[in-house]
Amino acid sequence: MSEIFLDTETTGLSFQDGHRIVEIACIETKDLISTGKVFHQLLNPERDVSKDALAVHGYSYEFLKNKKKFSDISEEFLNFIEGKKIIIHNAKFDLGFLNNELKICNKKKIEESNVIDSLEIARAKFPGASNSLDALCKKYNIDLSRRKKHNALLDCELLREVYINILEQKEPKLFVSNVDQEEISLRKNKIRKKNYCKNVVKIDEKQLNLHNNFIKKELKKNYF
């Protein structure tokens, strides 16, 4: 199954107050293993960035004003997420902003039924505890040293690691080639020999020749 880990950064806390998306990032995975496919855009929000939001992500309107608008990338974004489960931390926030942007450019909204909220899962597992992405990273000893400011792309990768831990899954194993399988088989055979073949009966050369001659006769009798 394919999944999308998604995160956004915005000009403020409420799309109902006219705030817009300034950054959107998506990482595609297959059974939680990264496929290497990424969708990432910095966006012109067509309005000022609030001081509080600027302190969080560091993207000023001056920096963003020459970037693409959401309407410019909406089709590419929708194609990227199509047919995949979308995993978001605090989905209500991001989904509200995304559907507002899609509404502005007359695109179909993202259905809540297609979204998994990792925050809700964490709250059910750790009731009463802080379940922010930062708090969960610390709980699971996930390295936060790269996170000087909020960054949608980095947060997607952190979320993937958190999500795997919340589900109590180990990191998915990569595909093992046939050559690797043969090597594993040889190692297993060596282990078996080491463990179970301690008492080896040696056959002398005369007995070995008699055995070989017997096999040759049987083969001629049955197949020739």
N, C-alpha and C. Protein backbone atom coordinates (compact mmCIF):
# COMPACT_ATOMS: atom_id res chain seq x y z
N MET A 1 0.84 -1.20 0.00
CA MET A 1 0.00 0.00 0.00
C MET A 1 0.88 1.25 0.00
N SER A 2 0.47 2.26 -0.75
CA SER A 2 1.23 3.52 -0.80
C SER A 2 0.64 4.53 0.17
N GLU A 3 1.55 5.27 0.82
CA GLU A 3 1.13 6.31 1.75
C GLU A 3 1.81 7.63 1.39
N ILE A 4 1.22 8.71 1.86
CA ILE A 4 1.82 10.04 1.73
C ILE A 4 1.93 10.64 3.13
N PHE A 5 3.14 11.00 3.53
CA PHE A 5 3.32 11.78 4.76
C PHE A 5 3.35 13.24 4.36
N LEU A 6 2.46 14.04 4.95
CA LEU A 6 2.23 15.41 4.48
C LEU A 6 2.36 16.41 5.62
N ASP A 7 2.92 17.58 5.30
CA ASP A 7 2.98 18.67 6.27
C ASP A 7 2.95 20.01 5.53
N THR A 8 2.43 21.02 6.21
CA THR A 8 2.40 22.38 5.64
C THR A 8 2.93 23.38 6.67
N GLU A 9 3.35 24.53 6.17
CA GLU A 9 3.62 25.70 7.00
C GLU A 9 2.72 26.82 6.46
N THR A 10 2.30 27.73 7.34
CA THR A 10 1.29 28.73 6.97
C THR A 10 1.67 30.13 7.45
N THR A 11 0.87 31.10 7.01
CA THR A 11 1.11 32.50 7.43
C THR A 11 0.54 32.78 8.82
N GLY A 12 -0.29 31.86 9.33
CA GLY A 12 -0.92 32.06 10.64
C GLY A 12 -1.70 30.83 11.04
N LEU A 13 -2.49 30.95 12.10
CA LEU A 13 -3.13 29.78 12.69
C LEU A 13 -4.49 29.42 12.11
N SER A 14 -5.16 30.35 11.41
CA SER A 14 -6.53 30.08 10.96
C SER A 14 -6.75 30.49 9.51
N PHE A 15 -7.14 29.53 8.69
CA PHE A 15 -7.48 29.87 7.29
C PHE A 15 -8.76 30.71 7.25
N GLN A 16 -9.60 30.59 8.28
CA GLN A 16 -10.83 31.37 8.34
C GLN A 16 -10.56 32.87 8.52
N ASP A 17 -9.37 33.18 9.00
CA ASP A 17 -8.94 34.58 9.13
C ASP A 17 -8.13 35.04 7.91
N GLY A 18 -8.16 34.23 6.87
CA GLY A 18 -7.49 34.61 5.62
C GLY A 18 -6.04 34.16 5.51
N HIS A 19 -5.57 33.34 6.46
CA HIS A 19 -4.19 32.88 6.38
C HIS A 19 -4.05 31.80 5.31
N ARG A 20 -2.83 31.69 4.77
CA ARG A 20 -2.58 30.84 3.60
C ARG A 20 -1.37 29.93 3.84
N ILE A 21 -1.19 28.97 2.94
CA ILE A 21 -0.05 28.05 3.00
C ILE A 21 1.19 28.69 2.37
N VAL A 22 2.34 28.54 3.05
CA VAL A 22 3.61 29.05 2.50
C VAL A 22 4.55 27.92 2.09
N GLU A 23 4.30 26.73 2.61
CA GLU A 23 5.15 25.58 2.25
C GLU A 23 4.31 24.31 2.36
N ILE A 24 4.49 23.42 1.39
CA ILE A 24 3.82 22.13 1.41
C ILE A 24 4.83 21.05 1.02
N ALA A 25 4.81 19.95 1.77
CA ALA A 25 5.73 18.85 1.48
C ALA A 25 5.03 17.52 1.63
N CYS A 26 5.36 16.59 0.75
CA CYS A 26 4.82 15.23 0.79
C CYS A 26 5.95 14.24 0.51
N ILE A 27 6.01 13.18 1.30
CA ILE A 27 6.94 12.09 1.05
C ILE A 27 6.11 10.83 0.77
N GLU A 28 6.38 10.18 -0.35
CA GLU A 28 5.66 8.96 -0.68
C GLU A 28 6.40 7.75 -0.11
N THR A 29 5.62 6.82 0.47
CA THR A 29 6.18 5.55 0.94
C THR A 29 5.34 4.39 0.42
N LYS A 30 5.95 3.23 0.42
CA LYS A 30 5.25 1.99 0.07
C LYS A 30 5.42 1.05 1.24
N ASP A 31 4.33 0.76 1.95
CA ASP A 31 4.39 -0.01 3.20
C ASP A 31 5.40 0.61 4.16
N LEU A 32 5.37 1.94 4.21
CA LEU A 32 6.18 2.79 5.11
C LEU A 32 7.65 2.88 4.73
N ILE A 33 8.04 2.28 3.60
CA ILE A 33 9.41 2.42 3.09
C ILE A 33 9.42 3.53 2.04
N SER A 34 10.33 4.47 2.20
CA SER A 34 10.37 5.60 1.27
C SER A 34 10.63 5.12 -0.16
N THR A 35 9.84 5.65 -1.10
CA THR A 35 10.04 5.32 -2.52
C THR A 35 11.03 6.28 -3.17
N GLY A 36 11.38 7.34 -2.45
CA GLY A 36 12.26 8.36 -3.02
C GLY A 36 11.51 9.47 -3.74
N LYS A 37 10.18 9.33 -3.85
CA LYS A 37 9.38 10.34 -4.53
C LYS A 37 8.93 11.40 -3.51
N VAL A 38 9.18 12.66 -3.85
CA VAL A 38 8.89 13.78 -2.94
C VAL A 38 8.20 14.89 -3.72
N PHE A 39 7.22 15.51 -3.07
CA PHE A 39 6.62 16.73 -3.60
C PHE A 39 6.88 17.83 -2.59
N HIS A 40 7.53 18.91 -3.02
CA HIS A 40 7.89 19.98 -2.09
C HIS A 40 7.85 21.33 -2.81
N GLN A 41 7.11 22.28 -2.22
CA GLN A 41 7.02 23.61 -2.83
C GLN A 41 6.96 24.68 -1.73
N LEU A 42 7.72 25.75 -1.94
CA LEU A 42 7.53 27.00 -1.19
C LEU A 42 6.57 27.85 -2.02
N LEU A 43 5.65 28.53 -1.34
CA LEU A 43 4.56 29.20 -2.06
C LEU A 43 4.43 30.68 -1.70
N ASN A 44 4.00 31.45 -2.69
CA ASN A 44 3.63 32.84 -2.46
C ASN A 44 2.22 32.86 -1.86
N PRO A 45 2.09 33.28 -0.58
CA PRO A 45 0.77 33.24 0.07
C PRO A 45 -0.12 34.41 -0.31
N GLU A 46 0.43 35.36 -1.06
CA GLU A 46 -0.33 36.54 -1.51
C GLU A 46 -0.82 37.40 -0.33
N ARG A 47 -0.08 37.35 0.75
CA ARG A 47 -0.40 38.17 1.92
C ARG A 47 0.80 38.14 2.88
N ASP A 48 0.79 38.99 3.88
CA ASP A 48 1.87 39.03 4.87
C ASP A 48 1.88 37.78 5.74
N VAL A 49 3.06 37.50 6.27
CA VAL A 49 3.23 36.40 7.22
C VAL A 49 3.17 36.99 8.63
N SER A 50 2.39 36.38 9.51
CA SER A 50 2.29 36.90 10.88
C SER A 50 3.62 36.74 11.61
N LYS A 51 3.83 37.56 12.62
CA LYS A 51 5.09 37.52 13.39
C LYS A 51 5.27 36.16 14.07
N ASP A 52 4.17 35.63 14.60
CA ASP A 52 4.26 34.33 15.27
C ASP A 52 4.65 33.22 14.30
N ALA A 53 4.05 33.24 13.10
CA ALA A 53 4.38 32.22 12.11
C ALA A 53 5.81 32.37 11.61
N LEU A 54 6.24 33.61 11.44
CA LEU A 54 7.62 33.89 11.00
C LEU A 54 8.63 33.33 12.00
N ALA A 55 8.30 33.44 13.28
CA ALA A 55 9.18 32.92 14.33
C ALA A 55 9.27 31.39 14.29
N VAL A 56 8.19 30.77 13.82
CA VAL A 56 8.15 29.30 13.76
C VAL A 56 8.94 28.75 12.58
N HIS A 57 8.66 29.28 11.36
CA HIS A 57 9.32 28.70 10.17
C HIS A 57 10.34 29.60 9.49
N GLY A 58 10.31 30.89 9.75
CA GLY A 58 11.33 31.79 9.21
C GLY A 58 11.12 32.25 7.78
N TYR A 59 9.95 31.96 7.17
CA TYR A 59 9.70 32.38 5.79
C TYR A 59 8.96 33.71 5.78
N SER A 60 9.62 34.76 5.32
CA SER A 60 8.98 36.08 5.24
C SER A 60 8.28 36.24 3.89
N TYR A 61 7.35 37.17 3.82
CA TYR A 61 6.66 37.42 2.55
C TYR A 61 7.66 37.92 1.50
N GLU A 62 8.63 38.70 1.93
CA GLU A 62 9.67 39.20 1.01
C GLU A 62 10.38 38.03 0.33
N PHE A 63 10.66 36.99 1.11
CA PHE A 63 11.32 35.79 0.57
C PHE A 63 10.39 34.99 -0.34
N LEU A 64 9.10 34.99 -0.03
CA LEU A 64 8.14 34.12 -0.72
C LEU A 64 7.44 34.76 -1.93
N LYS A 65 7.50 36.07 -2.04
CA LYS A 65 6.64 36.76 -3.01
C LYS A 65 6.88 36.39 -4.46
N ASN A 66 8.05 35.86 -4.79
CA ASN A 66 8.32 35.46 -6.18
C ASN A 66 8.18 33.96 -6.42
N LYS A 67 7.71 33.26 -5.40
CA LYS A 67 7.48 31.82 -5.54
C LYS A 67 6.15 31.56 -6.27
N LYS A 68 5.92 30.31 -6.63
CA LYS A 68 4.66 29.94 -7.28
C LYS A 68 3.50 30.08 -6.29
N LYS A 69 2.31 30.33 -6.83
CA LYS A 69 1.10 30.34 -6.01
C LYS A 69 0.55 28.91 -5.92
N PHE A 70 -0.31 28.68 -4.93
CA PHE A 70 -0.87 27.34 -4.76
C PHE A 70 -1.61 26.91 -6.03
N SER A 71 -2.30 27.83 -6.66
CA SER A 71 -3.05 27.50 -7.88
C SER A 71 -2.13 26.98 -8.99
N ASP A 72 -0.86 27.41 -8.97
CA ASP A 72 0.10 26.97 -9.99
C ASP A 72 0.52 25.51 -9.81
N ILE A 73 0.44 25.03 -8.58
CA ILE A 73 0.95 23.68 -8.30
C ILE A 73 -0.17 22.71 -7.89
N SER A 74 -1.40 23.17 -7.90
CA SER A 74 -2.51 22.36 -7.38
C SER A 74 -2.70 21.04 -8.12
N GLU A 75 -2.62 21.08 -9.46
CA GLU A 75 -2.81 19.86 -10.25
C GLU A 75 -1.71 18.84 -9.96
N GLU A 76 -0.47 19.32 -9.92
CA GLU A 76 0.66 18.43 -9.64
C GLU A 76 0.53 17.82 -8.25
N PHE A 77 0.11 18.63 -7.29
CA PHE A 77 -0.09 18.16 -5.92
C PHE A 77 -1.17 17.08 -5.87
N LEU A 78 -2.31 17.33 -6.49
CA LEU A 78 -3.41 16.37 -6.46
C LEU A 78 -3.04 15.07 -7.17
N ASN A 79 -2.29 15.15 -8.24
CA ASN A 79 -1.83 13.95 -8.94
C ASN A 79 -0.88 13.14 -8.06
N PHE A 80 -0.07 13.84 -7.28
CA PHE A 80 0.93 13.17 -6.42
C PHE A 80 0.25 12.37 -5.31
N ILE A 81 -0.83 12.89 -4.74
CA ILE A 81 -1.47 12.23 -3.60
C ILE A 81 -2.60 11.29 -4.02
N GLU A 82 -2.96 11.29 -5.29
CA GLU A 82 -4.13 10.53 -5.75
C GLU A 82 -4.01 9.04 -5.44
N GLY A 83 -5.06 8.49 -4.84
CA GLY A 83 -5.14 7.05 -4.60
C GLY A 83 -4.28 6.55 -3.45
N LYS A 84 -3.76 7.46 -2.64
CA LYS A 84 -2.88 7.06 -1.53
C LYS A 84 -3.45 7.53 -0.20
N LYS A 85 -3.16 6.78 0.85
CA LYS A 85 -3.53 7.20 2.20
C LYS A 85 -2.62 8.36 2.61
N ILE A 86 -3.22 9.39 3.21
CA ILE A 86 -2.45 10.57 3.61
C ILE A 86 -2.33 10.59 5.14
N ILE A 87 -1.09 10.65 5.61
CA ILE A 87 -0.83 10.64 7.05
C ILE A 87 -0.35 12.04 7.45
N ILE A 88 -1.07 12.67 8.38
CA ILE A 88 -0.77 14.03 8.82
C ILE A 88 -0.82 14.07 10.34
N HIS A 89 0.07 14.84 10.95
CA HIS A 89 0.03 15.05 12.39
C HIS A 89 -0.78 16.31 12.67
N ASN A 90 -1.89 16.13 13.38
CA ASN A 90 -2.89 17.19 13.60
C ASN A 90 -3.54 17.54 12.25
N ALA A 91 -4.20 16.54 11.69
CA ALA A 91 -4.76 16.63 10.34
C ALA A 91 -5.79 17.76 10.20
N LYS A 92 -6.53 18.04 11.25
CA LYS A 92 -7.57 19.07 11.17
C LYS A 92 -6.98 20.41 10.73
N PHE A 93 -5.79 20.74 11.23
CA PHE A 93 -5.13 22.00 10.88
C PHE A 93 -4.74 22.01 9.41
N ASP A 94 -3.94 21.05 8.99
CA ASP A 94 -3.42 21.04 7.61
C ASP A 94 -4.53 20.85 6.59
N LEU A 95 -5.47 19.96 6.91
CA LEU A 95 -6.56 19.67 5.97
C LEU A 95 -7.45 20.89 5.78
N GLY A 96 -7.67 21.66 6.85
CA GLY A 96 -8.44 22.89 6.72
C GLY A 96 -7.80 23.86 5.76
N PHE A 97 -6.49 24.05 5.89
CA PHE A 97 -5.77 24.96 5.00
C PHE A 97 -5.73 24.43 3.56
N LEU A 98 -5.48 23.13 3.42
CA LEU A 98 -5.40 22.54 2.07
C LEU A 98 -6.73 22.65 1.34
N ASN A 99 -7.81 22.32 2.01
CA ASN A 99 -9.13 22.38 1.36
C ASN A 99 -9.55 23.81 1.08
N ASN A 100 -9.09 24.74 1.89
CA ASN A 100 -9.36 26.15 1.62
C ASN A 100 -8.64 26.59 0.35
N GLU A 101 -7.37 26.18 0.22
CA GLU A 101 -6.60 26.52 -0.99
C GLU A 101 -7.24 25.88 -2.23
N LEU A 102 -7.67 24.63 -2.09
CA LEU A 102 -8.29 23.94 -3.22
C LEU A 102 -9.62 24.59 -3.61
N LYS A 103 -10.34 25.06 -2.61
CA LYS A 103 -11.59 25.76 -2.87
C LYS A 103 -11.35 27.07 -3.64
N ILE A 104 -10.30 27.81 -3.24
CA ILE A 104 -9.96 29.08 -3.90
C ILE A 104 -9.68 28.87 -5.39
N CYS A 105 -9.04 27.75 -5.73
CA CYS A 105 -8.72 27.51 -7.14
C CYS A 105 -9.67 26.50 -7.80
N ASN A 106 -10.86 26.34 -7.19
CA ASN A 106 -11.93 25.53 -7.77
C ASN A 106 -11.54 24.07 -8.03
N LYS A 107 -10.85 23.49 -7.05
CA LYS A 107 -10.48 22.09 -7.13
C LYS A 107 -11.25 21.28 -6.09
N LYS A 108 -11.35 20.00 -6.34
CA LYS A 108 -12.07 19.11 -5.42
C LYS A 108 -11.31 18.97 -4.12
N LYS A 109 -12.02 19.01 -3.00
CA LYS A 109 -11.37 18.94 -1.69
C LYS A 109 -10.89 17.52 -1.38
N ILE A 110 -9.98 17.42 -0.42
CA ILE A 110 -9.48 16.12 0.06
C ILE A 110 -10.46 15.59 1.10
N GLU A 111 -10.90 14.37 0.93
CA GLU A 111 -11.87 13.77 1.85
C GLU A 111 -11.18 13.33 3.15
N GLU A 112 -11.81 13.62 4.28
CA GLU A 112 -11.27 13.23 5.58
C GLU A 112 -11.10 11.72 5.69
N SER A 113 -11.96 10.97 5.02
CA SER A 113 -11.91 9.50 5.08
C SER A 113 -10.61 8.95 4.49
N ASN A 114 -9.91 9.76 3.72
CA ASN A 114 -8.66 9.32 3.10
C ASN A 114 -7.43 9.75 3.91
N VAL A 115 -7.69 10.31 5.10
CA VAL A 115 -6.60 10.87 5.92
C VAL A 115 -6.49 10.13 7.25
N ILE A 116 -5.27 9.81 7.64
CA ILE A 116 -4.97 9.25 8.96
C ILE A 116 -4.32 10.34 9.80
N ASP A 117 -4.88 10.60 10.99
CA ASP A 117 -4.32 11.63 11.88
C ASP A 117 -3.45 10.94 12.93
N SER A 118 -2.14 11.09 12.79
CA SER A 118 -1.22 10.45 13.74
C SER A 118 -1.34 11.04 15.14
N LEU A 119 -1.81 12.30 15.24
CA LEU A 119 -2.01 12.91 16.55
C LEU A 119 -3.11 12.18 17.33
N GLU A 120 -4.19 11.83 16.65
CA GLU A 120 -5.28 11.09 17.31
C GLU A 120 -4.80 9.72 17.79
N ILE A 121 -3.99 9.06 16.99
CA ILE A 121 -3.45 7.75 17.37
C ILE A 121 -2.56 7.90 18.60
N ALA A 122 -1.71 8.95 18.60
CA ALA A 122 -0.81 9.18 19.73
C ALA A 122 -1.59 9.51 21.00
N ARG A 123 -2.64 10.30 20.88
CA ARG A 123 -3.46 10.66 22.05
C ARG A 123 -4.15 9.44 22.65
N ALA A 124 -4.58 8.53 21.80
CA ALA A 124 -5.20 7.30 22.29
C ALA A 124 -4.19 6.41 23.00
N LYS A 125 -2.95 6.46 22.52
CA LYS A 125 -1.90 5.62 23.10
C LYS A 125 -1.29 6.25 24.35
N PHE A 126 -1.18 7.58 24.36
CA PHE A 126 -0.58 8.29 25.50
C PHE A 126 -1.53 9.37 26.01
N PRO A 127 -2.66 8.98 26.58
CA PRO A 127 -3.64 9.99 27.04
C PRO A 127 -3.05 10.88 28.14
N GLY A 128 -3.32 12.19 28.01
CA GLY A 128 -2.85 13.14 29.01
C GLY A 128 -1.43 13.62 28.82
N ALA A 129 -0.66 12.98 27.93
CA ALA A 129 0.73 13.38 27.67
C ALA A 129 0.79 14.37 26.52
N SER A 130 1.90 15.08 26.41
CA SER A 130 2.12 15.95 25.26
C SER A 130 2.41 15.06 24.05
N ASN A 131 1.64 15.25 22.98
CA ASN A 131 1.81 14.42 21.79
C ASN A 131 2.15 15.26 20.56
N SER A 132 2.82 16.39 20.77
CA SER A 132 3.32 17.16 19.64
C SER A 132 4.39 16.34 18.93
N LEU A 133 4.71 16.73 17.71
CA LEU A 133 5.74 16.00 16.95
C LEU A 133 7.07 16.04 17.70
N ASP A 134 7.42 17.20 18.26
CA ASP A 134 8.65 17.33 19.04
C ASP A 134 8.65 16.36 20.22
N ALA A 135 7.54 16.34 20.97
CA ALA A 135 7.46 15.49 22.17
C ALA A 135 7.57 14.01 21.81
N LEU A 136 6.94 13.60 20.70
CA LEU A 136 7.00 12.21 20.29
C LEU A 136 8.39 11.83 19.79
N CYS A 137 9.06 12.75 19.11
CA CYS A 137 10.43 12.50 18.68
C CYS A 137 11.34 12.26 19.90
N LYS A 138 11.16 13.07 20.92
CA LYS A 138 11.95 12.89 22.15
C LYS A 138 11.61 11.58 22.84
N LYS A 139 10.34 11.23 22.83
CA LYS A 139 9.90 9.97 23.47
C LYS A 139 10.56 8.76 22.80
N TYR A 140 10.68 8.83 21.46
CA TYR A 140 11.23 7.71 20.72
C TYR A 140 12.71 7.89 20.34
N ASN A 141 13.36 8.87 20.96
CA ASN A 141 14.79 9.12 20.72
C ASN A 141 15.12 9.34 19.24
N ILE A 142 14.25 10.10 18.59
CA ILE A 142 14.48 10.46 17.18
C ILE A 142 15.24 11.79 17.14
N ASP A 143 16.30 11.83 16.37
CA ASP A 143 17.19 12.99 16.33
C ASP A 143 16.48 14.26 15.85
N LEU A 144 16.49 15.28 16.69
CA LEU A 144 15.87 16.57 16.35
C LEU A 144 16.90 17.66 16.10
N SER A 145 18.17 17.31 16.04
CA SER A 145 19.23 18.32 15.95
C SER A 145 19.14 19.13 14.65
N ARG A 146 18.54 18.58 13.60
CA ARG A 146 18.42 19.29 12.32
C ARG A 146 17.28 20.31 12.33
N ARG A 147 16.42 20.22 13.33
CA ARG A 147 15.18 21.02 13.33
C ARG A 147 15.38 22.34 14.06
N LYS A 148 16.08 23.27 13.42
CA LYS A 148 16.29 24.60 14.01
C LYS A 148 15.01 25.42 13.91
N LYS A 149 14.35 25.32 12.75
CA LYS A 149 13.05 25.95 12.50
C LYS A 149 12.12 24.88 11.95
N HIS A 150 10.80 25.13 12.00
CA HIS A 150 9.87 24.19 11.39
C HIS A 150 10.09 24.19 9.88
N ASN A 151 10.15 23.00 9.33
CA ASN A 151 10.37 22.82 7.90
C ASN A 151 9.50 21.66 7.45
N ALA A 152 8.61 21.90 6.50
CA ALA A 152 7.61 20.89 6.13
C ALA A 152 8.24 19.59 5.64
N LEU A 153 9.30 19.69 4.86
CA LEU A 153 9.92 18.48 4.30
C LEU A 153 10.57 17.65 5.40
N LEU A 154 11.33 18.30 6.28
CA LEU A 154 11.97 17.59 7.39
C LEU A 154 10.91 17.00 8.32
N ASP A 155 9.84 17.76 8.56
CA ASP A 155 8.79 17.29 9.46
C ASP A 155 8.09 16.05 8.91
N CYS A 156 8.00 15.94 7.59
CA CYS A 156 7.42 14.73 6.99
C CYS A 156 8.26 13.50 7.31
N GLU A 157 9.57 13.64 7.21
CA GLU A 157 10.46 12.52 7.51
C GLU A 157 10.42 12.18 9.00
N LEU A 158 10.40 13.20 9.86
CA LEU A 158 10.29 12.95 11.30
C LEU A 158 8.96 12.25 11.62
N LEU A 159 7.90 12.68 10.95
CA LEU A 159 6.60 12.07 11.16
C LEU A 159 6.61 10.60 10.76
N ARG A 160 7.26 10.29 9.66
CA ARG A 160 7.35 8.89 9.23
C ARG A 160 8.00 8.03 10.31
N GLU A 161 9.10 8.53 10.88
CA GLU A 161 9.79 7.78 11.94
C GLU A 161 8.91 7.65 13.18
N VAL A 162 8.23 8.73 13.54
CA VAL A 162 7.33 8.70 14.71
C VAL A 162 6.20 7.71 14.47
N TYR A 163 5.62 7.75 13.28
CA TYR A 163 4.47 6.90 12.96
C TYR A 163 4.83 5.42 13.05
N ILE A 164 5.98 5.06 12.54
CA ILE A 164 6.45 3.67 12.62
C ILE A 164 6.56 3.24 14.08
N ASN A 165 7.07 4.14 14.93
CA ASN A 165 7.20 3.82 16.36
C ASN A 165 5.85 3.74 17.06
N ILE A 166 4.94 4.65 16.71
CA ILE A 166 3.61 4.62 17.32
C ILE A 166 2.91 3.30 17.03
N LEU A 167 3.07 2.80 15.81
CA LEU A 167 2.45 1.54 15.43
C LEU A 167 3.22 0.34 15.96
N GLU A 168 4.35 0.63 16.64
CA GLU A 168 5.22 -0.42 17.21
C GLU A 168 5.72 -1.37 16.13
N GLN A 169 6.05 -0.78 14.99
CA GLN A 169 6.64 -1.55 13.90
C GLN A 169 8.12 -1.25 13.85
N LYS A 170 8.90 -2.27 13.50
CA LYS A 170 10.31 -2.04 13.25
C LYS A 170 10.44 -1.39 11.88
N GLU A 171 11.58 -0.77 11.62
CA GLU A 171 11.81 -0.22 10.28
C GLU A 171 11.61 -1.34 9.26
N PRO A 172 10.79 -1.11 8.23
CA PRO A 172 10.57 -2.15 7.22
C PRO A 172 11.87 -2.58 6.58
N LYS A 173 11.99 -3.88 6.31
CA LYS A 173 13.21 -4.40 5.72
C LYS A 173 13.18 -4.20 4.21
N LEU A 174 14.34 -3.93 3.64
CA LEU A 174 14.45 -3.76 2.20
C LEU A 174 14.43 -5.12 1.52
N PHE A 175 14.13 -5.12 0.23
CA PHE A 175 14.10 -6.36 -0.55
C PHE A 175 15.48 -7.02 -0.55
N VAL A 176 15.50 -8.34 -0.33
CA VAL A 176 16.75 -9.09 -0.32
C VAL A 176 16.89 -9.80 -1.65
N SER A 177 18.01 -9.57 -2.34
CA SER A 177 18.22 -10.15 -3.67
C SER A 177 18.43 -11.66 -3.59
N ASN A 178 18.36 -12.33 -4.75
CA ASN A 178 18.59 -13.78 -4.81
C ASN A 178 20.00 -14.14 -4.36
N VAL A 179 20.97 -13.28 -4.72
CA VAL A 179 22.35 -13.52 -4.31
C VAL A 179 22.45 -13.49 -2.79
N ASP A 180 21.78 -12.49 -2.17
CA ASP A 180 21.78 -12.39 -0.72
C ASP A 180 21.10 -13.60 -0.09
N GLN A 181 20.02 -14.08 -0.73
CA GLN A 181 19.30 -15.24 -0.21
C GLN A 181 20.22 -16.47 -0.24
N GLU A 182 21.00 -16.62 -1.32
CA GLU A 182 21.93 -17.74 -1.42
C GLU A 182 23.00 -17.67 -0.33
N GLU A 183 23.47 -16.44 -0.07
CA GLU A 183 24.48 -16.24 0.96
C GLU A 183 23.91 -16.60 2.34
N ILE A 184 22.66 -16.17 2.58
CA ILE A 184 22.00 -16.49 3.84
C ILE A 184 21.86 -18.00 4.00
N SER A 185 21.48 -18.68 2.89
CA SER A 185 21.31 -20.14 2.91
C SER A 185 22.63 -20.84 3.23
N LEU A 186 23.73 -20.37 2.61
CA LEU A 186 25.05 -20.96 2.87
C LEU A 186 25.45 -20.80 4.33
N ARG A 187 25.17 -19.61 4.87
CA ARG A 187 25.50 -19.35 6.27
C ARG A 187 24.71 -20.25 7.20
N LYS A 188 23.40 -20.43 6.87
CA LYS A 188 22.56 -21.31 7.69
C LYS A 188 23.09 -22.74 7.67
N ASN A 189 23.55 -23.18 6.48
CA ASN A 189 24.09 -24.54 6.36
C ASN A 189 25.36 -24.70 7.18
N LYS A 190 26.19 -23.66 7.18
CA LYS A 190 27.41 -23.70 7.98
C LYS A 190 27.09 -23.79 9.46
N ILE A 191 26.06 -23.04 9.87
CA ILE A 191 25.65 -23.06 11.27
C ILE A 191 25.15 -24.45 11.64
N ARG A 192 24.32 -25.03 10.74
CA ARG A 192 23.80 -26.37 11.00
C ARG A 192 24.93 -27.38 11.14
N LYS A 193 25.92 -27.30 10.23
CA LYS A 193 27.05 -28.22 10.28
C LYS A 193 27.83 -28.05 11.58
N LYS A 194 27.99 -26.80 11.99
CA LYS A 194 28.74 -26.51 13.21
C LYS A 194 28.03 -27.06 14.43
N ASN A 195 26.69 -26.95 14.42
CA ASN A 195 25.91 -27.34 15.59
C ASN A 195 25.59 -28.83 15.66
N TYR A 196 25.39 -29.44 14.48
CA TYR A 196 24.87 -30.80 14.50
C TYR A 196 25.82 -31.87 13.95
N CYS A 197 26.89 -31.49 13.32
CA CYS A 197 27.78 -32.48 12.70
C CYS A 197 29.10 -32.59 13.46
N LYS A 198 29.01 -32.71 14.75
CA LYS A 198 30.22 -32.77 15.57
C LYS A 198 30.87 -34.15 15.49
N ASN A 199 30.05 -35.23 15.43
CA ASN A 199 30.58 -36.59 15.40
C ASN A 199 30.57 -37.10 13.95
N VAL A 200 31.64 -36.84 13.24
CA VAL A 200 31.72 -37.23 11.83
C VAL A 200 32.44 -38.57 11.71
N VAL A 201 31.82 -39.52 10.98
CA VAL A 201 32.44 -40.84 10.74
C VAL A 201 33.23 -40.76 9.45
N LYS A 202 34.53 -41.01 9.51
CA LYS A 202 35.37 -40.94 8.33
C LYS A 202 35.31 -42.27 7.58
N ILE A 203 35.16 -42.20 6.24
CA ILE A 203 35.12 -43.38 5.39
C ILE A 203 36.46 -43.52 4.69
N ASP A 204 37.07 -44.74 4.77
CA ASP A 204 38.37 -44.89 4.12
C ASP A 204 38.21 -45.04 2.62
N GLU A 205 39.32 -45.00 1.90
CA GLU A 205 39.28 -44.95 0.44
C GLU A 205 38.68 -46.22 -0.16
N LYS A 206 38.97 -47.40 0.43
CA LYS A 206 38.45 -48.67 -0.09
C LYS A 206 36.92 -48.69 -0.03
N GLN A 207 36.35 -48.27 1.11
CA GLN A 207 34.89 -48.24 1.27
C GLN A 207 34.24 -47.24 0.30
N LEU A 208 34.94 -46.13 0.09
CA LEU A 208 34.43 -45.11 -0.81
C LEU A 208 34.37 -45.61 -2.24
N ASN A 209 35.41 -46.37 -2.67
CA ASN A 209 35.44 -46.92 -4.03
C ASN A 209 34.35 -47.96 -4.22
N LEU A 210 34.15 -48.79 -3.21
CA LEU A 210 33.07 -49.79 -3.27
C LEU A 210 31.71 -49.12 -3.42
N HIS A 211 31.52 -48.07 -2.68
CA HIS A 211 30.25 -47.33 -2.73
C HIS A 211 30.02 -46.70 -4.12
N ASN A 212 31.08 -46.11 -4.67
CA ASN A 212 30.98 -45.47 -5.99
C ASN A 212 30.68 -46.50 -7.09
N ASN A 213 31.32 -47.67 -7.00
CA ASN A 213 31.08 -48.72 -7.99
C ASN A 213 29.65 -49.23 -7.91
N PHE A 214 29.12 -49.34 -6.68
CA PHE A 214 27.74 -49.80 -6.48
C PHE A 214 26.75 -48.82 -7.12
N ILE A 215 27.01 -47.53 -6.95
CA ILE A 215 26.13 -46.50 -7.51
C ILE A 215 26.14 -46.56 -9.03
N LYS A 216 27.34 -46.78 -9.63
CA LYS A 216 27.46 -46.85 -11.09
C LYS A 216 26.67 -48.03 -11.64
N LYS A 217 26.76 -49.18 -10.95
CA LYS A 217 26.03 -50.37 -11.40
C LYS A 217 24.51 -50.14 -11.34
N GLU A 218 24.04 -49.51 -10.27
CA GLU A 218 22.62 -49.26 -10.11
C GLU A 218 22.10 -48.30 -11.17
N LEU A 219 22.91 -47.30 -11.51
CA LEU A 219 22.51 -46.35 -12.52
C LEU A 219 22.37 -47.02 -13.88
N LYS A 220 23.35 -47.90 -14.23
CA LYS A 220 23.30 -48.61 -15.51
C LYS A 220 22.08 -49.52 -15.57
N LYS A 221 21.81 -50.18 -14.45
CA LYS A 221 20.70 -51.13 -14.37
C LYS A 221 19.36 -50.44 -14.59
N ASN A 222 19.18 -49.27 -14.03
CA ASN A 222 17.89 -48.61 -14.02
C ASN A 222 17.65 -47.61 -15.16
N TYR A 223 18.72 -47.07 -15.73
CA TYR A 223 18.54 -45.97 -16.68
C TYR A 223 19.15 -46.23 -18.06
N PHE A 224 19.91 -47.30 -18.21
CA PHE A 224 20.54 -47.56 -19.52
C PHE A 224 20.14 -48.92 -20.07
